Protein backbone atom coordinates (compact mmCIF):
# COMPACT_ATOMS: atom_id res chain seq x y z
CA MET A 1 10.57 -3.44 1.80
CA ALA A 2 8.01 -4.11 4.34
CA LEU A 3 6.80 -7.27 5.08
CA LEU A 4 3.06 -7.18 5.35
CA THR A 5 1.18 -10.27 7.40
CA GLY A 6 -2.15 -10.72 9.37
CA ASP A 7 -0.62 -9.26 12.83
CA GLU A 8 -0.15 -5.85 11.64
CA SER A 9 -4.13 -5.54 10.76
CA VAL A 10 -6.27 -3.72 14.07
CA PRO A 11 -7.94 -6.03 15.15
CA PRO A 12 -5.04 -8.79 14.52
CA VAL A 13 -6.29 -11.29 11.77
CA ASN A 14 -5.33 -15.69 11.83
CA THR A 15 -4.29 -15.87 8.31
CA GLU A 16 -1.26 -17.02 6.41
CA SER A 17 -1.31 -14.87 3.62
CA THR A 18 1.15 -12.46 3.62
CA GLY A 19 2.46 -9.77 0.99
CA THR A 20 5.40 -7.23 0.57
CA LEU A 21 4.99 -3.57 -0.27
CA THR A 22 8.23 -2.53 -1.81
CA LEU A 23 8.86 1.49 -2.47
CA ASN A 24 11.65 2.63 -4.44
CA TYR A 25 12.85 6.30 -4.35
CA ASP A 26 14.70 7.89 -8.01
CA PRO A 27 15.46 11.16 -7.01
CA GLU A 28 16.96 11.58 -10.39
CA VAL A 29 13.26 11.25 -11.84
CA PRO A 30 11.85 12.39 -8.74
CA ALA A 31 9.52 9.31 -8.37
CA LEU A 32 8.54 6.97 -5.53
CA THR A 33 7.74 3.98 -6.73
CA PHE A 34 5.90 1.02 -5.79
CA VAL A 35 5.16 -2.85 -6.15
CA LEU A 36 2.39 -4.58 -3.51
CA GLU A 37 2.60 -8.40 -3.69
CA VAL A 38 0.93 -11.24 -2.05
CA GLU A 39 0.75 -14.83 -1.64
CA GLY A 40 -2.63 -16.17 -0.91
CA LEU A 41 -4.57 -13.60 -0.46
CA LEU A 42 -8.61 -14.49 -1.25
CA ASP A 43 -10.83 -12.31 -2.83
CA THR A 44 -8.51 -8.79 -2.36
CA THR A 45 -10.88 -6.03 -2.68
CA SER A 46 -8.87 -2.95 -2.14
CA ALA A 47 -5.29 -2.15 -0.47
CA ALA A 48 -3.87 0.72 1.29
CA VAL A 49 -1.26 2.72 3.42
CA TYR A 50 -1.96 3.77 6.45
CA GLU A 51 -0.69 6.47 8.95
CA GLY A 52 -0.83 5.97 12.98
CA SER A 53 0.93 4.47 15.54
CA ALA A 54 1.24 0.55 15.95
CA GLY A 55 -1.89 -1.07 17.16
CA THR A 56 -4.52 1.73 16.41
CA ASN A 57 -6.66 2.05 13.14
CA GLY A 58 -4.78 4.51 11.18
CA THR A 59 -6.09 7.05 7.82
CA ALA A 60 -5.73 6.01 4.81
CA VAL A 61 -3.23 8.56 2.99
CA TYR A 62 -2.46 6.21 0.17
CA THR A 63 -4.39 3.64 -2.22
CA LEU A 64 -2.20 1.35 -3.46
CA PHE A 65 -5.32 -1.28 -4.72
CA ALA A 66 -8.90 0.01 -5.12
CA GLY A 67 -10.42 -2.87 -7.38
CA PRO A 68 -11.26 -4.90 -9.04
CA THR A 69 -12.35 -7.67 -6.49
CA VAL A 70 -9.01 -9.65 -7.75
CA GLU A 71 -11.51 -13.62 -7.64
CA GLY A 72 -10.10 -16.36 -5.28
CA GLU A 73 -6.77 -16.44 -4.17
CA LYS A 74 -3.80 -14.69 -5.56
CA HIS A 75 -0.08 -14.68 -5.88
CA GLY A 76 2.31 -12.54 -7.05
CA GLU A 77 2.29 -8.65 -7.69
CA LEU A 78 -1.20 -6.95 -7.20
CA ALA A 79 -0.44 -3.49 -8.06
CA SER A 80 2.25 -1.36 -8.74
CA GLY A 81 3.10 2.66 -9.31
CA THR A 82 4.08 5.76 -9.15
CA ILE A 83 2.73 7.57 -5.78
CA GLU A 84 1.59 11.29 -7.02
CA ASP A 85 0.91 14.52 -5.43
CA ALA A 86 -3.10 14.05 -6.21
CA ASP A 87 -3.33 10.83 -5.22
CA LEU A 88 -2.60 11.30 -1.18
CA THR A 89 -5.12 11.09 0.82
CA GLY A 90 -5.87 12.15 4.60
CA THR A 91 -3.20 14.12 6.24
CA LEU A 92 -1.32 13.49 3.73
CA ALA A 93 -3.44 15.16 0.83
CA GLY A 94 -2.47 18.41 -0.28
CA LEU A 95 0.84 17.98 0.75
CA PRO A 96 4.11 17.27 -1.75
CA SER A 97 5.31 13.72 -2.08
CA ALA A 98 8.93 12.76 -3.36
CA THR A 99 6.90 13.39 -7.37
CA SER A 100 7.05 17.32 -6.49
CA SER A 101 9.54 19.32 -8.47
CA PRO A 102 12.09 21.17 -6.26
C-alpha cells in the first residue's frame, strides 16, 4: 500500500487531501489488481502511476482513473481494477504485466 499526499507531487502541493493505492498480486490467476481510495480530493479529473526518480516529473505508465470528472469533494474509492498488458504506457508499453501467462 502506498500513501499518497501532496508532498509527492512535483512540485509539492499544499493540500489536506490524501489517498492510498493498494496493489494485490494473485499468482494463481495471475492478476495484479488495484484499489485507489481518496479523501478530500476536489473535482478529480484523472489519476496515474508514474515512473521516475523521487523529486522528478516521471512518465505515466498506467492510468488508474481517466474520468469522467468527479464533481465536488470525493471520499472513498475512486477507481479499482486489474492491470492489463494493453493498458501499460510509456516505457512499460508492450512489456508483459503480472497478468501475462508464463
